[in-house]
Amino acid sequence: MAKPLGLRNDITIRSISEKSTAYFVLIVVIAALPAFIEGLDGSLFAFAAPYIVQNIHASTAMLGVLATGYAIGLCLFSLLGGFLFNKFSVKYTILSSVALFSVFTVVSGFAGNVITLVLSRLLVGLGIGMFQPAIIALLGDIFPETRGRTVSVFNVTYGAGIFVAPYTISPFLPHFRIPFVITGILAGFVILAFYLVIPKTHKNIEKQHSISIKGIMNKNVCVLSISNLFYGITLFGFLAFYSEYLLKELLIHPVHAGTISAMVGLGGALGSYPLGVLADKFGRKRIVILSAFLVLLASVGMFGVGQSIALLCISTFLFGLGIGFPAFVAAQGQDSVSEHLAGVVTGWMFFAFLGGGILGGPLFAAFLPMGFTKAGLLTLGVSSLLSFVFTLFTNREIQTSAESKYILTSNR
């Protein structure tokens, strides 16, 4: 009986993908599964956070602190995830970080005080911070000519997790612990599938290239980094306060608020792959610009249409269509550097994105005395506008997939 792909020593991710389209699809889908539990956890926590904060007798401003702690964890380890992709086994980097995530997503649902809650979200962020850039780098680097489509699968599964989350948690509210246990169990199944299916070695490489941040600092990467930073402010402002805005400011029933929140995931799940196909066909720059524009429209709409459930659903769906922005930016960044720097540039792009994420919650909280609507328009509206503007100044892809050839085996 043949060993599972993940236990064989005679193949690499790239070699088995070259031989069989079926194996290629299987590897891409399994590699993207951690994004599902990432989206599930993030949306679960965003939707449950007002109740969790109330349960530990903290103020509304704590929502911003929690989003910041989560973003700090993500940011601290995003660069490490990218470097580990280039230096060590990407498989075991992802497995260990998903395991860390799985433990502390459960802990965050059972936290009984502020310190435990903040620390658990920080450690959830550490896990995601390692596996997110590593997976994006893996998907984008299997075959450079298809990286738009492969990276978009991460966005699809991430969106699916966000879509499922409100329907998972709303039947339990105001009780919220069981959904976090479900997330931890699902993470265990993801770890098992990843271990059995993903080969130990990523690809055959030359070991002559140096790995450094300096090697990726061209104009394209710098401009994309700034755009990603502003998108981070937008997304984490949204994650920190949108559920509170729907539930406590607009007084929308939790069932309807859950439906509205689920539109983010639906937009990501339905729209990401078509956008990835278009990116491969017409260029990643166009799709990065389009994604940023959709986020801008949605950011203004979500906080500008009042209590209309239909318009809130449409605006939130548009936000979901653009939620793959960081992954598409990372793909464009990979196009802009030598192939051996794919992991480093991906880690850097997520570092910039998550650096903005650290600011999103506190900025929204700082504007709250002006009211939720103005705070949303100032935080999400302005930052998404700046993110969009910077995408206009990027170059088209400047790297060809044929530039680097790989001939020696590495245990990556």
Protein backbone atom coordinates (compact mmCIF):
# COMPACT_ATOMS: atom_id res chain seq x y z
CA MET A 1 0.00 0.00 0.00
CA ALA A 2 1.44 3.37 -1.05
CA LYS A 3 2.28 5.85 1.67
CA PRO A 4 0.28 9.11 1.89
CA LEU A 5 1.96 11.98 0.05
CA GLY A 6 2.89 13.67 3.29
CA LEU A 7 4.94 10.70 4.48
CA ARG A 8 6.97 10.13 1.30
CA ASN A 9 10.59 11.26 0.92
CA ASP A 10 10.90 10.86 -2.87
CA ILE A 11 8.66 13.74 -3.95
CA THR A 12 8.32 17.48 -3.51
CA ILE A 13 5.24 19.66 -3.63
CA ARG A 14 6.31 21.05 -6.98
CA SER A 15 7.32 17.69 -8.50
CA ILE A 16 4.07 15.92 -7.65
CA SER A 17 2.06 18.95 -8.81
CA GLU A 18 3.86 18.83 -12.18
CA LYS A 19 2.96 15.16 -12.67
CA SER A 20 -0.74 15.28 -11.82
CA THR A 21 -3.38 18.00 -11.97
CA ALA A 22 -5.44 16.05 -9.43
CA TYR A 23 -2.56 16.05 -6.94
CA PHE A 24 -1.97 19.75 -7.63
CA VAL A 25 -5.60 20.58 -6.81
CA LEU A 26 -5.54 18.35 -3.72
CA ILE A 27 -2.37 19.98 -2.39
CA VAL A 28 -3.68 23.50 -3.02
CA VAL A 29 -6.99 22.79 -1.26
CA ILE A 30 -5.42 21.06 1.77
CA ALA A 31 -2.73 23.73 2.05
CA ALA A 32 -5.45 26.40 2.14
CA LEU A 33 -7.55 24.72 4.84
CA PRO A 34 -5.89 26.58 7.76
CA ALA A 35 -7.36 29.74 6.23
CA PHE A 36 -10.84 28.33 6.88
CA ILE A 37 -10.26 27.99 10.62
CA GLU A 38 -8.52 31.39 10.64
CA GLY A 39 -11.62 33.00 9.12
CA LEU A 40 -13.90 31.00 11.40
CA ASP A 41 -12.01 32.03 14.54
CA GLY A 42 -11.70 35.68 13.56
CA SER A 43 -15.37 36.06 12.70
CA LEU A 44 -16.50 34.03 15.72
CA PHE A 45 -14.52 36.25 18.01
CA ALA A 46 -15.60 39.47 16.30
CA PHE A 47 -19.25 38.45 16.61
CA ALA A 48 -18.90 37.12 20.17
CA ALA A 49 -16.58 39.86 21.44
CA PRO A 50 -19.33 42.23 22.67
CA TYR A 51 -20.72 39.40 24.82
CA ILE A 52 -17.27 38.21 25.95
CA VAL A 53 -16.32 41.76 26.97
CA GLN A 54 -19.60 42.13 28.82
CA ASN A 55 -19.02 38.77 30.55
CA ILE A 56 -15.68 39.91 32.00
CA HIS A 57 -17.14 43.34 32.90
CA ALA A 58 -14.88 45.35 30.59
CA SER A 59 -15.73 48.50 28.64
CA THR A 60 -16.52 48.78 24.92
CA ALA A 61 -13.05 50.25 24.36
CA MET A 62 -11.64 46.81 25.23
CA LEU A 63 -12.75 45.68 21.77
CA GLY A 64 -10.03 47.86 20.30
CA VAL A 65 -7.44 46.52 22.75
CA LEU A 66 -8.33 42.93 21.84
CA ALA A 67 -8.06 43.65 18.12
CA THR A 68 -4.68 45.28 18.74
CA GLY A 69 -3.39 42.34 20.81
CA TYR A 70 -4.46 39.95 18.07
CA ALA A 71 -2.80 42.12 15.42
CA ILE A 72 0.43 42.40 17.45
CA GLY A 73 0.65 38.62 17.60
CA LEU A 74 0.07 38.39 13.87
CA CYS A 75 2.57 41.13 13.11
CA LEU A 76 5.39 39.84 15.33
CA PHE A 77 5.51 36.47 13.61
CA SER A 78 4.52 37.32 10.03
CA LEU A 79 8.13 38.05 9.06
CA LEU A 80 9.25 34.88 10.81
CA GLY A 81 6.76 32.81 8.83
CA GLY A 82 8.14 34.19 5.59
CA PHE A 83 11.76 33.56 6.59
CA LEU A 84 10.99 30.03 7.81
CA PHE A 85 9.44 29.29 4.41
CA ASN A 86 12.81 29.97 2.80
CA LYS A 87 15.00 28.39 5.48
CA PHE A 88 13.18 25.36 6.89
CA SER A 89 10.43 22.85 6.17
CA VAL A 90 7.32 24.82 5.28
CA LYS A 91 5.22 21.79 6.23
CA TYR A 92 6.37 21.67 9.84
CA THR A 93 6.34 25.45 10.18
CA ILE A 94 2.66 25.43 9.28
CA LEU A 95 1.80 22.37 11.39
CA SER A 96 3.37 23.81 14.55
CA SER A 97 1.76 27.21 14.11
CA VAL A 98 -1.71 25.74 13.44
CA ALA A 99 -1.32 23.65 16.62
CA LEU A 100 -0.52 26.81 18.61
CA PHE A 101 -3.53 28.53 17.10
CA SER A 102 -5.86 25.60 17.88
CA VAL A 103 -5.05 25.59 21.59
CA PHE A 104 -5.50 29.29 22.18
CA THR A 105 -8.62 29.80 20.07
CA VAL A 106 -10.31 27.46 22.58
CA VAL A 107 -8.75 29.32 25.53
CA SER A 108 -10.01 32.66 24.22
CA GLY A 109 -13.59 31.35 24.36
CA PHE A 110 -13.20 30.37 28.02
CA ALA A 111 -11.21 33.39 29.28
CA GLY A 112 -12.60 34.67 32.56
CA ASN A 113 -10.62 37.89 32.88
CA VAL A 114 -9.02 40.60 30.77
CA ILE A 115 -5.43 39.35 31.08
CA THR A 116 -6.27 35.80 29.97
CA LEU A 117 -8.38 37.09 27.11
CA VAL A 118 -5.74 39.49 25.78
CA LEU A 119 -2.96 36.89 26.09
CA SER A 120 -5.02 34.19 24.37
CA ARG A 121 -5.80 36.49 21.43
CA LEU A 122 -2.13 37.48 21.26
CA LEU A 123 -1.12 33.80 21.02
CA VAL A 124 -3.83 33.04 18.46
CA GLY A 125 -2.30 35.87 16.47
CA LEU A 126 1.19 34.39 16.86
CA GLY A 127 0.01 31.11 15.34
CA ILE A 128 -1.76 32.76 12.43
CA GLY A 129 1.14 35.17 11.97
CA MET A 130 3.41 32.21 11.18
CA PHE A 131 1.14 30.06 9.03
CA GLN A 132 -0.58 32.79 7.01
CA PRO A 133 2.48 34.10 5.08
CA ALA A 134 3.99 30.61 4.89
CA ILE A 135 0.86 29.24 3.21
CA ILE A 136 0.52 32.21 0.84
CA ALA A 137 4.18 31.81 -0.12
CA LEU A 138 3.72 28.06 -0.64
CA LEU A 139 0.63 28.52 -2.83
CA GLY A 140 2.11 31.34 -4.85
CA ASP A 141 5.43 29.58 -5.35
CA ILE A 142 4.24 26.16 -6.61
CA PHE A 143 3.97 27.57 -10.15
CA PRO A 144 4.50 31.36 -10.51
CA GLU A 145 2.33 31.52 -13.63
CA THR A 146 -0.73 30.31 -11.65
CA ARG A 147 -0.14 32.14 -8.38
CA GLY A 148 -3.22 34.35 -8.78
CA ARG A 149 -5.48 31.30 -8.80
CA THR A 150 -3.64 29.32 -6.15
CA VAL A 151 -3.42 32.26 -3.73
CA SER A 152 -7.12 32.95 -4.31
CA VAL A 153 -7.96 29.49 -2.91
CA PHE A 154 -6.63 30.74 0.44
CA ASN A 155 -9.05 33.66 0.13
CA VAL A 156 -11.92 31.32 -0.76
CA THR A 157 -11.44 29.09 2.28
CA TYR A 158 -10.86 32.13 4.51
CA GLY A 159 -14.11 33.64 3.25
CA ALA A 160 -15.91 30.34 3.80
CA GLY A 161 -14.80 30.37 7.44
CA ILE A 162 -16.07 33.91 7.89
CA PHE A 163 -19.37 32.99 6.23
CA VAL A 164 -19.95 29.96 8.48
CA ALA A 165 -18.99 31.70 11.74
CA PRO A 166 -22.11 33.84 12.42
CA TYR A 167 -24.39 30.88 11.76
CA THR A 168 -22.22 28.77 14.08
CA ILE A 169 -22.35 31.16 16.99
CA SER A 170 -25.71 32.96 16.74
CA PRO A 171 -27.78 29.94 17.95
CA PHE A 172 -25.72 29.86 21.17
CA LEU A 173 -25.74 33.57 22.05
CA PRO A 174 -25.49 35.00 24.66
CA HIS A 175 -23.50 31.82 25.44
CA PHE A 176 -20.41 31.60 23.24
CA ARG A 177 -18.00 28.90 24.42
CA ILE A 178 -19.08 25.84 22.40
CA PRO A 179 -18.27 27.42 18.97
CA PHE A 180 -14.67 27.98 20.08
CA VAL A 181 -14.41 24.31 21.05
CA ILE A 182 -15.74 23.42 17.59
CA THR A 183 -13.02 25.58 16.03
CA GLY A 184 -10.34 23.82 18.07
CA ILE A 185 -11.62 20.40 16.98
CA LEU A 186 -11.72 21.45 13.33
CA ALA A 187 -8.15 22.71 13.66
CA GLY A 188 -7.15 19.20 14.79
CA PHE A 189 -8.64 17.70 11.61
CA VAL A 190 -6.85 20.32 9.50
CA ILE A 191 -3.54 19.41 11.14
CA LEU A 192 -4.11 15.73 10.39
CA ALA A 193 -5.04 16.36 6.74
CA PHE A 194 -2.05 18.67 6.25
CA TYR A 195 0.32 16.12 7.80
CA LEU A 196 -0.90 13.27 5.58
CA VAL A 197 -1.21 15.11 2.26
CA ILE A 198 1.42 17.86 2.03
CA PRO A 199 4.90 16.54 1.06
CA LYS A 200 7.78 17.29 3.43
CA THR A 201 9.82 19.16 0.82
CA HIS A 202 8.53 22.17 -1.07
CA LYS A 203 10.81 22.13 -4.13
CA ASN A 204 14.36 21.56 -5.32
CA ILE A 205 16.41 24.71 -4.90
CA GLU A 206 19.86 26.13 -5.23
CA LYS A 207 21.38 27.06 -1.88
CA GLN A 208 23.47 29.93 -3.26
CA HIS A 209 21.07 32.80 -2.67
CA SER A 210 21.23 35.04 0.41
CA ILE A 211 17.94 35.77 2.15
CA SER A 212 17.41 39.34 3.39
CA ILE A 213 14.84 42.11 3.66
CA LYS A 214 17.22 44.39 1.74
CA GLY A 215 16.94 42.14 -1.31
CA ILE A 216 13.22 42.84 -1.72
CA MET A 217 13.19 46.59 -1.31
CA ASN A 218 12.29 47.85 -4.77
CA LYS A 219 9.70 50.53 -5.59
CA ASN A 220 6.89 48.08 -6.18
CA VAL A 221 7.33 46.32 -2.86
CA CYS A 222 7.56 49.61 -0.96
CA VAL A 223 4.39 51.07 -2.50
CA LEU A 224 2.49 47.82 -2.04
CA SER A 225 3.61 47.69 1.60
CA ILE A 226 2.18 51.15 2.31
CA SER A 227 -1.09 50.24 0.61
CA ASN A 228 -1.25 47.04 2.65
CA LEU A 229 -0.60 48.95 5.87
CA PHE A 230 -3.63 51.17 5.25
CA TYR A 231 -5.73 48.12 4.38
CA GLY A 232 -4.70 46.63 7.74
CA ILE A 233 -6.15 49.69 9.51
CA THR A 234 -9.36 49.21 7.54
CA LEU A 235 -9.77 45.50 8.21
CA PHE A 236 -8.93 45.52 11.91
CA GLY A 237 -11.11 48.54 12.55
CA PHE A 238 -13.88 46.53 10.91
CA LEU A 239 -13.11 43.37 12.90
CA ALA A 240 -12.99 45.26 16.20
CA PHE A 241 -16.21 47.24 16.00
CA TYR A 242 -18.53 46.22 13.14
CA SER A 243 -20.44 43.63 15.17
CA GLU A 244 -20.80 46.10 18.05
CA TYR A 245 -22.04 48.69 15.55
CA LEU A 246 -24.71 46.32 14.20
CA LEU A 247 -25.80 44.91 17.55
CA LYS A 248 -25.55 47.81 19.96
CA GLU A 249 -25.64 50.97 17.81
CA LEU A 250 -28.09 50.01 15.05
CA LEU A 251 -29.93 47.59 17.40
CA ILE A 252 -30.22 44.95 14.71
CA HIS A 253 -31.44 41.55 15.90
CA PRO A 254 -28.56 39.04 16.32
CA VAL A 255 -30.02 36.78 13.61
CA HIS A 256 -30.11 39.62 11.08
CA ALA A 257 -26.73 40.91 12.27
CA GLY A 258 -25.34 37.41 11.75
CA THR A 259 -26.66 37.39 8.19
CA ILE A 260 -25.09 40.77 7.50
CA SER A 261 -21.74 39.70 8.98
CA ALA A 262 -21.81 36.47 6.96
CA MET A 263 -21.87 38.51 3.74
CA VAL A 264 -18.17 39.23 4.20
CA GLY A 265 -17.40 35.55 4.02
CA LEU A 266 -19.83 34.97 1.17
CA GLY A 267 -18.18 37.71 -0.87
CA GLY A 268 -14.74 36.25 -0.21
CA ALA A 269 -15.79 32.68 -0.92
CA LEU A 270 -17.63 33.47 -4.16
CA GLY A 271 -15.46 36.23 -5.56
CA SER A 272 -11.87 35.32 -4.73
CA TYR A 273 -11.27 32.54 -7.24
CA PRO A 274 -12.71 34.43 -10.25
CA LEU A 275 -10.54 37.39 -9.25
CA GLY A 276 -7.53 35.06 -9.05
CA VAL A 277 -8.20 33.73 -12.55
CA LEU A 278 -8.48 37.29 -13.86
CA ALA A 279 -5.24 38.19 -12.08
CA ASP A 280 -3.37 35.42 -13.90
CA LYS A 281 -4.90 36.39 -17.22
CA PHE A 282 -4.77 40.19 -17.12
CA GLY A 283 -2.14 40.94 -14.47
CA ARG A 284 -2.09 41.03 -10.69
CA LYS A 285 -1.92 44.84 -10.55
CA ARG A 286 -5.42 45.27 -12.01
CA ILE A 287 -6.95 42.92 -9.47
CA VAL A 288 -5.11 44.56 -6.58
CA ILE A 289 -6.54 47.92 -7.67
CA LEU A 290 -10.03 46.46 -8.11
CA SER A 291 -9.94 44.80 -4.67
CA ALA A 292 -8.87 48.06 -3.02
CA PHE A 293 -11.67 49.95 -4.80
CA LEU A 294 -14.29 47.41 -3.65
CA VAL A 295 -13.08 47.78 -0.05
CA LEU A 296 -13.33 51.57 -0.37
CA LEU A 297 -16.93 51.42 -1.64
CA ALA A 298 -17.86 48.94 1.07
CA SER A 299 -16.24 50.91 3.88
CA VAL A 300 -18.24 54.01 3.04
CA GLY A 301 -21.40 51.98 2.49
CA MET A 302 -21.31 49.97 5.72
CA PHE A 303 -21.26 53.10 7.85
CA GLY A 304 -23.30 55.34 5.56
CA VAL A 305 -26.53 53.44 4.77
CA GLY A 306 -28.11 53.48 8.22
CA GLN A 307 -30.29 50.57 9.37
CA SER A 308 -31.21 49.19 5.94
CA ILE A 309 -30.47 45.48 6.22
CA ALA A 310 -30.46 45.05 2.43
CA LEU A 311 -27.94 47.86 1.87
CA LEU A 312 -25.80 46.69 4.80
CA CYS A 313 -25.74 43.21 3.27
CA ILE A 314 -24.69 44.60 -0.12
CA SER A 315 -21.98 46.80 1.39
CA THR A 316 -20.64 43.98 3.56
CA PHE A 317 -20.66 41.61 0.58
CA LEU A 318 -18.55 44.12 -1.37
CA PHE A 319 -16.14 44.24 1.55
CA GLY A 320 -15.89 40.46 1.30
CA LEU A 321 -15.14 40.64 -2.42
CA GLY A 322 -12.08 42.72 -1.58
CA ILE A 323 -11.00 40.81 1.53
CA GLY A 324 -8.38 38.86 -0.42
CA PHE A 325 -6.45 42.10 -0.93
CA PRO A 326 -3.41 41.16 1.25
CA ALA A 327 -2.98 37.83 -0.53
CA PHE A 328 -3.21 39.43 -3.97
CA VAL A 329 -0.74 42.10 -2.84
CA ALA A 330 1.60 39.33 -1.69
CA ALA A 331 1.25 37.64 -5.09
CA GLN A 332 2.12 40.91 -6.84
CA GLY A 333 5.05 41.27 -4.45
CA GLN A 334 6.26 37.79 -5.41
CA ASP A 335 6.06 38.87 -9.05
CA SER A 336 8.31 41.81 -8.19
CA VAL A 337 11.31 39.92 -6.77
CA SER A 338 13.46 36.92 -7.60
CA GLU A 339 11.76 33.58 -7.07
CA HIS A 340 14.04 32.56 -4.18
CA LEU A 341 12.72 35.56 -2.20
CA ALA A 342 9.04 34.53 -2.43
CA GLY A 343 8.80 33.68 1.27
CA VAL A 344 10.60 36.79 2.48
CA VAL A 345 8.54 39.22 0.40
CA THR A 346 5.32 37.50 1.48
CA GLY A 347 6.31 37.78 5.13
CA TRP A 348 7.17 41.45 4.63
CA MET A 349 3.82 42.18 2.96
CA PHE A 350 1.94 40.62 5.85
CA PHE A 351 4.16 42.44 8.35
CA ALA A 352 3.12 45.75 6.76
CA PHE A 353 -0.55 44.70 6.61
CA LEU A 354 -0.57 43.64 10.25
CA GLY A 355 1.36 46.71 11.33
CA GLY A 356 -1.64 48.64 10.09
CA GLY A 357 -3.86 46.15 11.88
CA ILE A 358 -2.31 47.15 15.21
CA LEU A 359 -3.58 50.70 14.61
CA GLY A 360 -7.09 49.88 13.37
CA GLY A 361 -8.79 49.13 16.69
CA PRO A 362 -7.27 52.04 18.69
CA LEU A 363 -8.00 54.52 15.88
CA PHE A 364 -11.65 53.48 15.74
CA ALA A 365 -11.86 53.69 19.54
CA ALA A 366 -10.29 57.16 19.50
CA PHE A 367 -13.00 58.41 17.14
CA LEU A 368 -15.89 56.74 19.04
CA PRO A 369 -16.77 59.87 21.06
CA MET A 370 -17.87 61.35 17.70
CA GLY A 371 -20.31 58.47 17.24
CA PHE A 372 -20.10 55.09 15.52
CA THR A 373 -20.94 56.36 12.05
CA LYS A 374 -18.28 59.07 11.98
CA ALA A 375 -15.74 56.77 13.61
CA GLY A 376 -16.38 54.14 10.94
CA LEU A 377 -16.16 56.60 8.07
CA LEU A 378 -12.98 58.17 9.42
CA THR A 379 -11.23 54.93 10.29
CA LEU A 380 -12.33 52.63 7.47
CA GLY A 381 -13.22 55.25 4.85
CA VAL A 382 -10.02 57.28 4.97
CA SER A 383 -7.66 54.32 5.34
CA SER A 384 -9.31 52.39 2.48
CA LEU A 385 -9.10 55.49 0.28
CA LEU A 386 -5.37 55.82 0.94
CA SER A 387 -4.89 52.09 0.34
CA PHE A 388 -6.62 52.40 -3.03
CA VAL A 389 -4.64 55.49 -4.06
CA PHE A 390 -1.29 53.79 -3.40
CA THR A 391 -2.22 50.78 -5.55
CA LEU A 392 -2.41 53.13 -8.54
CA PHE A 393 1.33 53.81 -8.29
CA THR A 394 2.52 50.21 -8.51
CA ASN A 395 4.21 48.73 -11.56
CA ARG A 396 3.10 45.71 -13.51
CA GLU A 397 4.89 42.43 -12.76
CA ILE A 398 8.64 42.75 -13.36
CA GLN A 399 9.74 39.20 -12.60
CA THR A 400 9.43 36.19 -14.89
CA SER A 401 8.88 32.68 -13.63
CA ALA A 402 11.80 31.48 -15.72
CA GLU A 403 14.36 33.73 -14.07
CA SER A 404 15.45 31.22 -11.42
CA LYS A 405 16.22 27.55 -11.94
CA TYR A 406 16.38 25.04 -9.10
CA ILE A 407 18.61 21.99 -9.19
CA LEU A 408 19.70 20.94 -5.71
CA THR A 409 17.47 19.36 -3.07
CA SER A 410 16.56 21.33 0.03
CA ASN A 411 14.56 20.16 3.06
CA ARG A 412 12.03 22.95 2.78
